[in-house]
């Protein structure tokens, strides 16, 4: 993969979420996501930051046929950074690409792949306080599948986890799902792979527990695994027929995603309740406690959507600083935020059109400032004030006049996305214009070059 960006499409063509509910109590921050549809590959795709009205703050277009996932704010070397995966994806949910780290000016400062230059999969990119990144790779390899009814010279899609030193690329941990989890623990029949590689685990998330060991979510074995971070040894299994913990009422998982430890042995999981392409149970976010001392997993609490959504693929859940929970409902096409007592505070649908979804969604605070100034783009009777990625812009001031040394304020409008239209004065038509970005306090935080207004 050589190209990482594509020409910026017209702002109106960028697919956006449709916000239907927005109540008091929503946590502060922007929404980080990557709306996409494998059914419409020619439509603009890429990582996106949006506000609570669905207006786009930042968009990075990717070349046709590529997609982006896991757009979020993380920390690297003590500074906030923006991270995402980008590459090609299959209809079975596997990705071939690379992971990117960008600074607050959106300059890419690191590109990550698996050890040996192997591609990274779309499902996970987690930076740690050790200066490392935890990545997932789906690597096809020859494997004896006869124990589960496949061929002796069959192909398996091995779910590989690696911890990579970001600065050096050194592989500190290499874990192979094919070598660590017996084939018979998969709940995906080998016959469903046809002539392709069998994806026996489909690892889709990694979390770091209180003790610095790893929590891994595997969809096709319907289980969580705790791994020793140093050796890769499986310490316990929660879910599936091979669970080492007895599952209490409400603790069983169905084709889950995005398990994350939240402290005191509790793990928050997006439990799909449904397998791909099938009608399923109601999806939920469930909190489960792994009580290793007593050998049991117990149900703590759960969230469901008032419309009883069932998501056949994808899904995520994020705990927010104010106690709220943000949920991406995957293929069900919704994004929701709930208060600590379960009240629905925010709800949005993913973009209109066939197959549009977002693999994960995050709400986070972010202060971005491009290293280029705003642009004033004259478009007929409008001036488009464009500053892709600039946060904190409250309004735009349009200055117009016959010449650069004779500019006067012509209008001030509210910010309405990174490309905000301002109407040109009708008469007399100015000779030149420029735009100024204003913060909430009215101070100028960015100024465009002066450009001809045209005739």
Protein backbone atom coordinates (compact mmCIF):
# COMPACT_ATOMS: atom_id res chain seq x y z
CA UNK A 1 0.00 0.00 0.00
CA UNK A 2 1.65 3.21 -1.15
CA UNK A 3 -1.06 5.85 -1.28
CA UNK A 4 -2.47 6.90 2.07
CA UNK A 5 -4.70 9.80 1.07
CA UNK A 6 -6.99 10.78 -1.78
CA UNK A 7 -8.20 14.17 -3.08
CA UNK A 8 -10.59 15.90 -0.69
CA UNK A 9 -14.18 15.46 -1.91
CA UNK A 10 -16.74 18.28 -1.73
CA UNK A 11 -17.83 18.68 1.88
CA UNK A 12 -21.42 17.80 0.94
CA UNK A 13 -20.31 14.37 -0.31
CA UNK A 14 -18.71 13.29 2.98
CA UNK A 15 -21.06 10.77 4.59
CA UNK A 16 -22.25 11.89 8.00
CA UNK A 17 -24.23 10.54 10.91
CA UNK A 18 -27.82 11.71 11.42
CA UNK A 19 -28.39 12.86 15.01
CA UNK A 20 -31.91 12.12 16.27
CA UNK A 21 -31.58 12.63 20.06
CA UNK A 22 -29.38 15.07 21.97
CA UNK A 23 -30.20 15.75 25.62
CA UNK A 24 -28.51 17.45 28.55
CA UNK A 25 -25.90 15.35 30.29
CA UNK A 26 -24.00 14.19 27.21
CA UNK A 27 -20.29 13.97 27.96
CA UNK A 28 -17.99 16.62 26.46
CA UNK A 29 -15.90 15.81 23.41
CA UNK A 30 -16.12 15.02 19.73
CA UNK A 31 -17.12 11.76 18.07
CA UNK A 32 -14.31 9.78 16.43
CA UNK A 33 -15.42 7.24 13.83
CA UNK A 34 -15.09 6.04 10.25
CA UNK A 35 -18.44 5.65 8.48
CA UNK A 36 -18.00 3.15 5.67
CA UNK A 37 -19.76 0.77 3.33
CA UNK A 38 -18.06 -2.01 1.42
CA UNK A 39 -21.11 -1.89 -0.88
CA UNK A 40 -20.27 1.67 -1.98
CA UNK A 41 -16.48 1.66 -2.38
CA UNK A 42 -16.46 4.72 -4.65
CA UNK A 43 -18.07 6.93 -1.98
CA UNK A 44 -15.69 9.05 0.14
CA UNK A 45 -14.24 7.01 3.01
CA UNK A 46 -11.81 7.85 5.76
CA UNK A 47 -11.30 8.66 9.43
CA UNK A 48 -13.62 11.39 10.68
CA UNK A 49 -14.15 13.64 13.69
CA UNK A 50 -17.66 15.08 14.13
CA UNK A 51 -19.57 17.14 16.65
CA UNK A 52 -22.89 16.30 18.31
CA UNK A 53 -24.82 17.66 15.34
CA UNK A 54 -22.97 15.41 12.93
CA UNK A 55 -20.95 18.29 11.47
CA UNK A 56 -17.52 17.19 10.31
CA UNK A 57 -14.54 18.74 12.11
CA UNK A 58 -11.87 16.67 10.33
CA UNK A 59 -11.83 14.20 7.47
CA UNK A 60 -8.93 12.38 5.84
CA UNK A 61 -10.01 10.79 2.54
CA UNK A 62 -8.48 7.42 1.70
CA UNK A 63 -8.02 6.00 -1.83
CA UNK A 64 -10.93 4.12 -3.39
CA UNK A 65 -11.02 0.53 -2.17
CA UNK A 66 -9.46 1.39 1.18
CA UNK A 67 -11.15 1.87 4.54
CA UNK A 68 -10.27 3.16 8.00
CA UNK A 69 -11.11 1.92 11.49
CA UNK A 70 -10.29 2.58 15.15
CA UNK A 71 -10.04 6.36 14.90
CA UNK A 72 -9.36 7.68 18.39
CA UNK A 73 -7.24 9.85 20.66
CA UNK A 74 -4.42 8.09 22.51
CA UNK A 75 -1.17 9.16 24.14
CA UNK A 76 2.38 8.72 22.86
CA UNK A 77 5.47 10.09 24.59
CA UNK A 78 3.27 12.07 26.96
CA UNK A 79 1.38 13.88 24.19
CA UNK A 80 -2.11 13.36 22.74
CA UNK A 81 -2.10 11.77 19.31
CA UNK A 82 -4.68 10.61 16.80
CA UNK A 83 -4.49 6.98 15.72
CA UNK A 84 -6.23 4.83 13.10
CA UNK A 85 -5.89 1.76 10.90
CA UNK A 86 -6.13 2.05 7.13
CA UNK A 87 -6.08 -0.49 4.35
CA UNK A 88 -8.13 -2.97 2.35
CA UNK A 89 -10.88 -5.13 3.86
CA UNK A 90 -12.77 -8.26 2.90
CA UNK A 91 -16.47 -9.00 3.19
CA UNK A 92 -15.61 -11.49 5.94
CA UNK A 93 -14.19 -8.76 8.16
CA UNK A 94 -10.46 -9.18 7.72
CA UNK A 95 -8.12 -6.29 6.95
CA UNK A 96 -4.73 -5.85 5.30
CA UNK A 97 -3.09 -2.52 6.05
CA UNK A 98 -1.11 -0.36 8.43
CA UNK A 99 -1.66 1.69 11.58
CA UNK A 100 -0.98 5.42 11.77
CA UNK A 101 -0.15 7.84 14.57
CA UNK A 102 -0.62 11.57 13.91
CA UNK A 103 0.10 14.64 16.03
CA UNK A 104 -2.34 17.45 16.86
CA UNK A 105 -1.55 19.05 13.48
CA UNK A 106 -2.56 15.80 11.74
CA UNK A 107 0.97 15.05 10.57
CA UNK A 108 1.66 11.32 10.54
CA UNK A 109 4.58 10.71 12.90
CA UNK A 110 4.62 6.89 12.89
CA UNK A 111 3.42 4.05 10.68
CA UNK A 112 3.09 0.61 12.26
CA UNK A 113 2.92 -2.90 10.85
CA UNK A 114 3.36 -6.33 12.36
CA UNK A 115 6.78 -7.89 12.80
CA UNK A 116 8.61 -8.65 9.58
CA UNK A 117 6.59 -6.00 7.77
CA UNK A 118 3.45 -8.17 7.84
CA UNK A 119 0.19 -6.22 7.44
CA UNK A 120 -1.92 -5.26 10.41
CA UNK A 121 -5.59 -6.15 10.65
CA UNK A 122 -8.34 -3.56 11.04
CA UNK A 123 -9.60 -4.65 14.44
CA UNK A 124 -7.20 -3.18 16.99
CA UNK A 125 -4.56 -0.50 17.55
CA UNK A 126 -3.90 0.15 21.23
CA UNK A 127 -1.03 2.33 22.43
CA UNK A 128 0.36 1.63 25.90
CA UNK A 129 2.22 3.61 28.53
CA UNK A 130 5.31 1.54 27.69
CA UNK A 131 5.78 3.25 24.33
CA UNK A 132 4.41 0.19 22.59
CA UNK A 133 1.44 -0.68 20.40
CA UNK A 134 -0.74 -3.77 20.60
CA UNK A 135 -1.80 -4.91 17.14
CA UNK A 136 -3.82 -7.74 15.63
CA UNK A 137 -2.94 -9.48 12.38
CA UNK A 138 -4.91 -12.09 10.42
CA UNK A 139 -2.27 -14.30 8.80
CA UNK A 140 -3.22 -17.17 6.47
CA UNK A 141 -1.12 -20.32 6.88
CA UNK A 142 -1.28 -24.03 6.13
CA UNK A 143 -2.72 -26.02 9.04
CA UNK A 144 -4.06 -29.50 9.67
CA UNK A 145 -7.81 -29.00 10.01
CA UNK A 146 -8.76 -32.69 9.99
CA UNK A 147 -9.56 -32.69 13.77
CA UNK A 148 -12.54 -30.42 13.01
CA UNK A 149 -13.61 -31.99 9.73
CA UNK A 150 -11.38 -30.02 7.39
CA UNK A 151 -8.45 -30.98 5.21
CA UNK A 152 -5.05 -32.04 6.48
CA UNK A 153 -3.49 -29.43 4.19
CA UNK A 154 -6.12 -26.82 5.00
CA UNK A 155 -5.71 -23.10 5.47
CA UNK A 156 -6.31 -21.24 8.71
CA UNK A 157 -6.56 -17.50 9.23
CA UNK A 158 -4.42 -17.19 12.32
CA UNK A 159 -5.36 -14.42 14.75
CA UNK A 160 -1.97 -13.04 15.76
CA UNK A 161 -1.37 -10.51 18.56
CA UNK A 162 1.88 -8.58 18.75
CA UNK A 163 3.21 -5.90 21.03
CA UNK A 164 5.51 -3.64 19.02
CA UNK A 165 8.00 -1.06 20.26
CA UNK A 166 6.80 2.03 18.38
CA UNK A 167 10.20 3.69 18.10
CA UNK A 168 12.17 0.63 16.97
CA UNK A 169 9.62 -1.79 15.55
CA UNK A 170 10.93 -4.55 17.83
CA UNK A 171 8.40 -7.32 18.49
CA UNK A 172 8.10 -7.78 22.27
CA UNK A 173 5.25 -10.30 22.23
CA UNK A 174 4.03 -12.63 19.47
CA UNK A 175 0.91 -14.69 20.23
CA UNK A 176 -0.64 -17.10 17.74
CA UNK A 177 -4.27 -18.03 18.24
CA UNK A 178 -3.86 -21.12 16.06
CA UNK A 179 -1.09 -22.37 18.36
CA UNK A 180 -2.74 -21.33 21.64
CA UNK A 181 -6.46 -22.10 21.32
CA UNK A 182 -7.49 -25.63 20.25
CA UNK A 183 -9.35 -25.81 16.93
CA UNK A 184 -12.32 -27.51 18.56
CA UNK A 185 -13.04 -24.45 20.71
CA UNK A 186 -14.17 -22.48 17.67
CA UNK A 187 -17.93 -22.18 17.18
CA UNK A 188 -17.55 -21.37 13.48
CA UNK A 189 -17.89 -24.58 11.41
CA UNK A 190 -14.81 -25.14 9.25
CA UNK A 191 -17.09 -25.84 6.28
CA UNK A 192 -18.18 -22.20 6.24
CA UNK A 193 -14.71 -21.21 5.02
CA UNK A 194 -15.21 -23.01 1.71
CA UNK A 195 -11.94 -22.91 -0.21
CA UNK A 196 -10.64 -19.94 1.77
CA UNK A 197 -8.79 -19.84 5.09
CA UNK A 198 -10.83 -20.74 8.17
CA UNK A 199 -11.02 -17.87 10.67
CA UNK A 200 -11.25 -20.00 13.80
CA UNK A 201 -10.98 -17.19 16.40
CA UNK A 202 -11.51 -13.78 14.79
CA UNK A 203 -9.81 -11.76 17.53
CA UNK A 204 -11.26 -8.24 17.50
CA UNK A 205 -10.09 -6.44 20.65
CA UNK A 206 -7.27 -6.21 23.18
CA UNK A 207 -7.37 -4.56 26.59
CA UNK A 208 -4.77 -4.11 29.32
CA UNK A 209 -5.98 -5.32 32.72
CA UNK A 210 -5.10 -3.91 36.17
CA UNK A 211 -2.18 -6.33 36.46
CA UNK A 212 -0.82 -5.35 33.00
CA UNK A 213 -1.85 -8.65 31.46
CA UNK A 214 -4.02 -8.71 28.35
CA UNK A 215 -7.74 -9.28 27.80
CA UNK A 216 -8.56 -10.59 24.32
CA UNK A 217 -11.97 -10.85 22.65
CA UNK A 218 -12.51 -13.66 20.11
CA UNK A 219 -15.78 -13.59 18.21
CA UNK A 220 -15.72 -17.05 16.64
CA UNK A 221 -15.06 -18.88 19.90
CA UNK A 222 -17.51 -16.56 21.69
CA UNK A 223 -14.99 -16.03 24.46
CA UNK A 224 -12.67 -13.70 26.34
CA UNK A 225 -9.12 -14.78 27.13
CA UNK A 226 -6.70 -13.41 29.68
CA UNK A 227 -3.10 -13.68 28.45
CA UNK A 228 0.15 -13.37 30.35
CA UNK A 229 1.72 -10.33 28.69
CA UNK A 230 5.21 -11.71 28.96
CA UNK A 231 4.71 -15.29 27.82
CA UNK A 232 1.35 -15.34 26.01
CA UNK A 233 0.08 -18.10 28.30
CA UNK A 234 -3.72 -18.28 28.54
CA UNK A 235 -4.55 -17.58 32.19
CA UNK A 236 -8.31 -18.03 31.96
CA UNK A 237 -11.16 -18.35 29.47
CA UNK A 238 -14.59 -16.75 29.89
CA UNK A 239 -17.34 -17.96 27.57
CA UNK A 240 -17.67 -20.79 25.03
CA UNK A 241 -17.81 -24.47 25.86
CA UNK A 242 -14.19 -24.37 27.04
CA UNK A 243 -14.64 -21.67 29.68
CA UNK A 244 -12.39 -22.14 32.68
CA UNK A 245 -14.83 -19.99 34.68
CA UNK A 246 -18.32 -21.22 35.49
CA UNK A 247 -20.75 -18.85 33.77
CA UNK A 248 -23.40 -17.41 36.04
CA UNK A 249 -26.86 -16.34 34.89
CA UNK A 250 -26.52 -13.69 32.19
CA UNK A 251 -22.77 -14.22 31.75
CA UNK A 252 -22.78 -16.19 28.51
CA UNK A 253 -21.53 -14.32 25.44
CA UNK A 254 -22.80 -14.53 21.87
CA UNK A 255 -20.34 -13.53 19.11
CA UNK A 256 -18.92 -10.62 21.17
CA UNK A 257 -16.73 -7.58 20.48
CA UNK A 258 -14.61 -5.08 22.38
CA UNK A 259 -14.14 -6.50 25.87
CA UNK A 260 -12.32 -3.95 28.05
CA UNK A 261 -11.30 -4.25 31.72
CA UNK A 262 -12.78 -1.56 33.95
CA UNK A 263 -11.29 -2.56 37.31
CA UNK A 264 -11.92 -4.98 40.18
CA UNK A 265 -12.07 -7.96 37.82
CA UNK A 266 -14.96 -6.48 35.83
CA UNK A 267 -14.94 -6.41 32.02
CA UNK A 268 -17.29 -4.39 29.79
CA UNK A 269 -18.26 -6.28 26.61
CA UNK A 270 -20.32 -5.52 23.52
CA UNK A 271 -22.32 -8.74 23.30
CA UNK A 272 -23.77 -8.93 19.80
CA UNK A 273 -26.25 -11.69 20.59
CA UNK A 274 -26.24 -12.50 16.88
CA UNK A 275 -23.99 -14.21 14.38
CA UNK A 276 -23.15 -12.69 11.01
CA UNK A 277 -26.05 -12.76 8.57
CA UNK A 278 -28.47 -14.25 11.07
CA UNK A 279 -31.34 -12.96 13.11
CA UNK A 280 -30.22 -12.93 16.70
CA UNK A 281 -30.96 -11.96 20.24
CA UNK A 282 -31.01 -8.36 21.37
CA UNK A 283 -27.51 -6.87 21.47
CA UNK A 284 -26.31 -5.49 24.78
CA UNK A 285 -23.39 -3.96 26.61
CA UNK A 286 -22.72 -6.22 29.56
CA UNK A 287 -20.40 -5.92 32.55
CA UNK A 288 -19.04 -9.28 33.74
CA UNK A 289 -16.88 -9.99 36.78
CA UNK A 290 -14.21 -12.67 36.44
CA UNK A 291 -13.85 -14.05 39.96
CA UNK A 292 -10.82 -16.26 39.46
CA UNK A 293 -10.55 -17.14 43.15
CA UNK A 294 -14.01 -18.72 43.15
CA UNK A 295 -13.80 -19.86 39.52
CA UNK A 296 -16.97 -18.06 38.36
CA UNK A 297 -18.01 -15.28 35.99
CA UNK A 298 -20.98 -13.24 37.15
CA UNK A 299 -23.30 -10.72 35.53
CA UNK A 300 -22.95 -7.21 37.02
CA UNK A 301 -25.24 -5.09 34.84
CA UNK A 302 -26.16 -4.43 31.22
CA UNK A 303 -27.45 -1.82 28.76
CA UNK A 304 -29.77 -2.35 25.82
CA UNK A 305 -31.24 0.10 23.33
CA UNK A 306 -34.91 1.11 23.78
CA UNK A 307 -35.54 -0.15 20.23
CA UNK A 308 -34.10 -3.60 21.05
CA UNK A 309 -31.35 -3.47 18.42
CA UNK A 310 -29.65 -6.63 17.21
CA UNK A 311 -26.25 -6.18 15.58
CA UNK A 312 -25.01 -9.08 13.45
CA UNK A 313 -21.45 -7.73 13.18
CA UNK A 314 -19.22 -5.08 14.75
CA UNK A 315 -19.93 -3.05 17.87
CA UNK A 316 -18.14 -1.16 20.65
CA UNK A 317 -18.66 0.38 24.07
CA UNK A 318 -16.70 3.12 25.81
CA UNK A 319 -16.88 4.26 29.41
CA UNK A 320 -16.83 8.06 29.60
CA UNK A 321 -15.29 10.22 32.35
CA UNK A 322 -18.69 11.41 33.62
CA UNK A 323 -19.95 7.85 34.04
CA UNK A 324 -21.86 7.71 30.75
CA UNK A 325 -21.43 4.87 28.25
CA UNK A 326 -21.05 5.44 24.52
CA UNK A 327 -22.17 2.54 22.34
CA UNK A 328 -21.53 1.88 18.67
CA UNK A 329 -24.14 -0.66 17.57
CA UNK A 330 -22.18 -1.90 14.57
CA UNK A 331 -24.27 -3.21 11.69
CA UNK A 332 -27.44 -2.08 13.46
CA UNK A 333 -26.39 1.39 12.31
CA UNK A 334 -26.72 3.38 15.53
CA UNK A 335 -24.54 5.38 17.91
CA UNK A 336 -25.91 5.98 21.42
CA UNK A 337 -24.86 7.49 24.72
CA UNK A 338 -26.43 6.47 28.01
CA UNK A 339 -26.34 8.06 31.46
CA UNK A 340 -25.08 5.99 34.43
CA UNK A 341 -28.69 4.98 35.19
CA UNK A 342 -29.35 3.89 31.59
CA UNK A 343 -31.17 6.94 30.20
CA UNK A 344 -30.66 7.45 26.47
CA UNK A 345 -29.05 10.89 26.10
CA UNK A 346 -27.71 10.79 22.55
CA UNK A 347 -28.74 8.77 19.53
CA UNK A 348 -27.71 8.90 15.89
CA UNK A 349 -27.99 6.76 12.80
CA UNK A 350 -25.06 5.97 10.55
CA UNK A 351 -25.15 7.50 7.05
CA UNK A 352 -28.00 6.66 4.70
CA UNK A 353 -27.31 4.09 2.02
CA UNK A 354 -26.63 0.35 1.71
CA UNK A 355 -24.30 -1.17 4.27
CA UNK A 356 -23.14 2.02 6.00
CA UNK A 357 -21.78 1.42 9.47
CA UNK A 358 -18.84 2.34 11.67
CA UNK A 359 -16.75 -0.42 13.24
CA UNK A 360 -16.17 1.51 16.47
CA UNK A 361 -16.98 4.97 17.77
CA UNK A 362 -15.31 6.99 20.54
CA UNK A 363 -16.17 10.23 22.33
CA UNK A 364 -13.06 12.13 23.35
CA UNK A 365 -11.78 15.64 23.87
CA UNK A 366 -9.28 16.85 21.26
CA UNK A 367 -7.51 20.07 20.40
CA UNK A 368 -6.44 20.00 16.78
CA UNK A 369 -4.77 22.77 14.83
CA UNK A 370 -3.61 22.16 11.24
CA UNK A 371 -0.14 23.43 10.35
CA UNK A 372 -1.66 25.27 7.37
CA UNK A 373 -3.86 28.39 7.61
CA UNK A 374 -7.55 28.52 6.76
CA UNK A 375 -8.58 28.86 3.13
CA UNK A 376 -11.10 31.23 1.57
CA UNK A 377 -12.54 29.43 -1.46
CA UNK A 378 -14.77 31.53 -3.71
CA UNK A 379 -17.65 29.46 -5.05
CA UNK A 380 -20.01 31.59 -7.10
CA UNK A 381 -21.83 33.90 -4.71
CA UNK A 382 -20.36 32.13 -1.68
CA UNK A 383 -17.05 32.10 0.12
CA UNK A 384 -16.27 28.76 1.70
CA UNK A 385 -14.25 29.09 4.90
CA UNK A 386 -12.24 25.86 5.02
CA UNK A 387 -9.99 24.69 7.85
CA UNK A 388 -9.96 20.91 8.04
CA UNK A 389 -9.30 19.69 11.57
CA UNK A 390 -9.29 23.00 13.45
CA UNK A 391 -11.12 22.71 16.77
CA UNK A 392 -12.38 25.64 18.83
CA UNK A 393 -13.68 27.67 15.87
CA UNK A 394 -16.97 29.25 16.92
CA UNK A 395 -17.56 31.68 14.06
CA UNK A 396 -16.12 32.87 10.76
CA UNK A 397 -15.62 36.53 9.83
CA UNK A 398 -15.65 37.42 6.15
CA UNK A 399 -13.57 40.45 5.13
CA UNK A 400 -14.14 41.89 1.67
CA UNK A 401 -13.11 44.95 -0.31
CA UNK A 402 -11.75 46.32 -3.57
CA UNK A 403 -8.14 45.59 -2.57
CA UNK A 404 -6.14 43.94 0.22
CA UNK A 405 -5.47 47.27 1.96
CA UNK A 406 -9.19 48.16 1.91
CA UNK A 407 -10.80 45.08 3.51
CA UNK A 408 -13.81 45.55 5.77
CA UNK A 409 -15.99 43.17 7.73
CA UNK A 410 -18.77 41.90 5.46
CA UNK A 411 -20.36 39.19 7.59
CA UNK A 412 -19.90 36.93 10.61
CA UNK A 413 -21.49 33.46 10.63
CA UNK A 414 -21.48 30.52 13.01
CA UNK A 415 -19.10 27.64 12.32
CA UNK A 416 -20.95 24.90 10.44
CA UNK A 417 -18.36 22.22 9.78
CA UNK A 418 -14.78 22.48 8.55
CA UNK A 419 -16.18 23.89 5.29
CA UNK A 420 -18.58 26.73 6.21
CA UNK A 421 -20.30 28.83 3.54
CA UNK A 422 -20.53 32.62 3.85
CA UNK A 423 -22.51 34.73 1.36
CA UNK A 424 -20.58 37.33 -0.62
CA UNK A 425 -21.84 40.92 -0.59
CA UNK A 426 -24.09 41.30 -3.61
CA UNK A 427 -23.33 44.88 -4.58
CA UNK A 428 -20.79 46.07 -5.17
CA UNK A 429 -19.03 42.75 -5.68
CA UNK A 430 -15.68 42.90 -3.84
CA UNK A 431 -12.40 42.43 -5.60
CA UNK A 432 -10.74 40.36 -2.87
CA UNK A 433 -11.74 38.48 0.30
CA UNK A 434 -10.29 36.66 3.23
CA UNK A 435 -11.76 34.78 6.21
CA UNK A 436 -10.87 34.80 9.89
CA UNK A 437 -11.59 31.98 12.34
CA UNK A 438 -12.92 33.29 15.66
CA UNK A 439 -12.87 31.45 18.98
CA UNK A 440 -15.74 31.50 21.47
CA UNK A 441 -14.24 34.63 23.04
CA UNK A 442 -14.25 36.45 19.71
CA UNK A 443 -10.49 36.40 19.28
CA UNK A 444 -8.98 35.55 15.90
CA UNK A 445 -7.31 32.12 15.92
CA UNK A 446 -6.59 31.79 12.21
CA UNK A 447 -6.53 33.96 9.08
CA UNK A 448 -6.63 32.91 5.45
CA UNK A 449 -4.60 34.44 2.63
CA UNK A 450 -6.38 37.11 0.61
CA UNK A 451 -7.85 35.71 -2.62
CA UNK A 452 -9.62 37.30 -5.64
CA UNK A 453 -13.39 37.29 -5.36
CA UNK A 454 -13.90 36.84 -9.11
CA UNK A 455 -16.57 38.41 -11.24
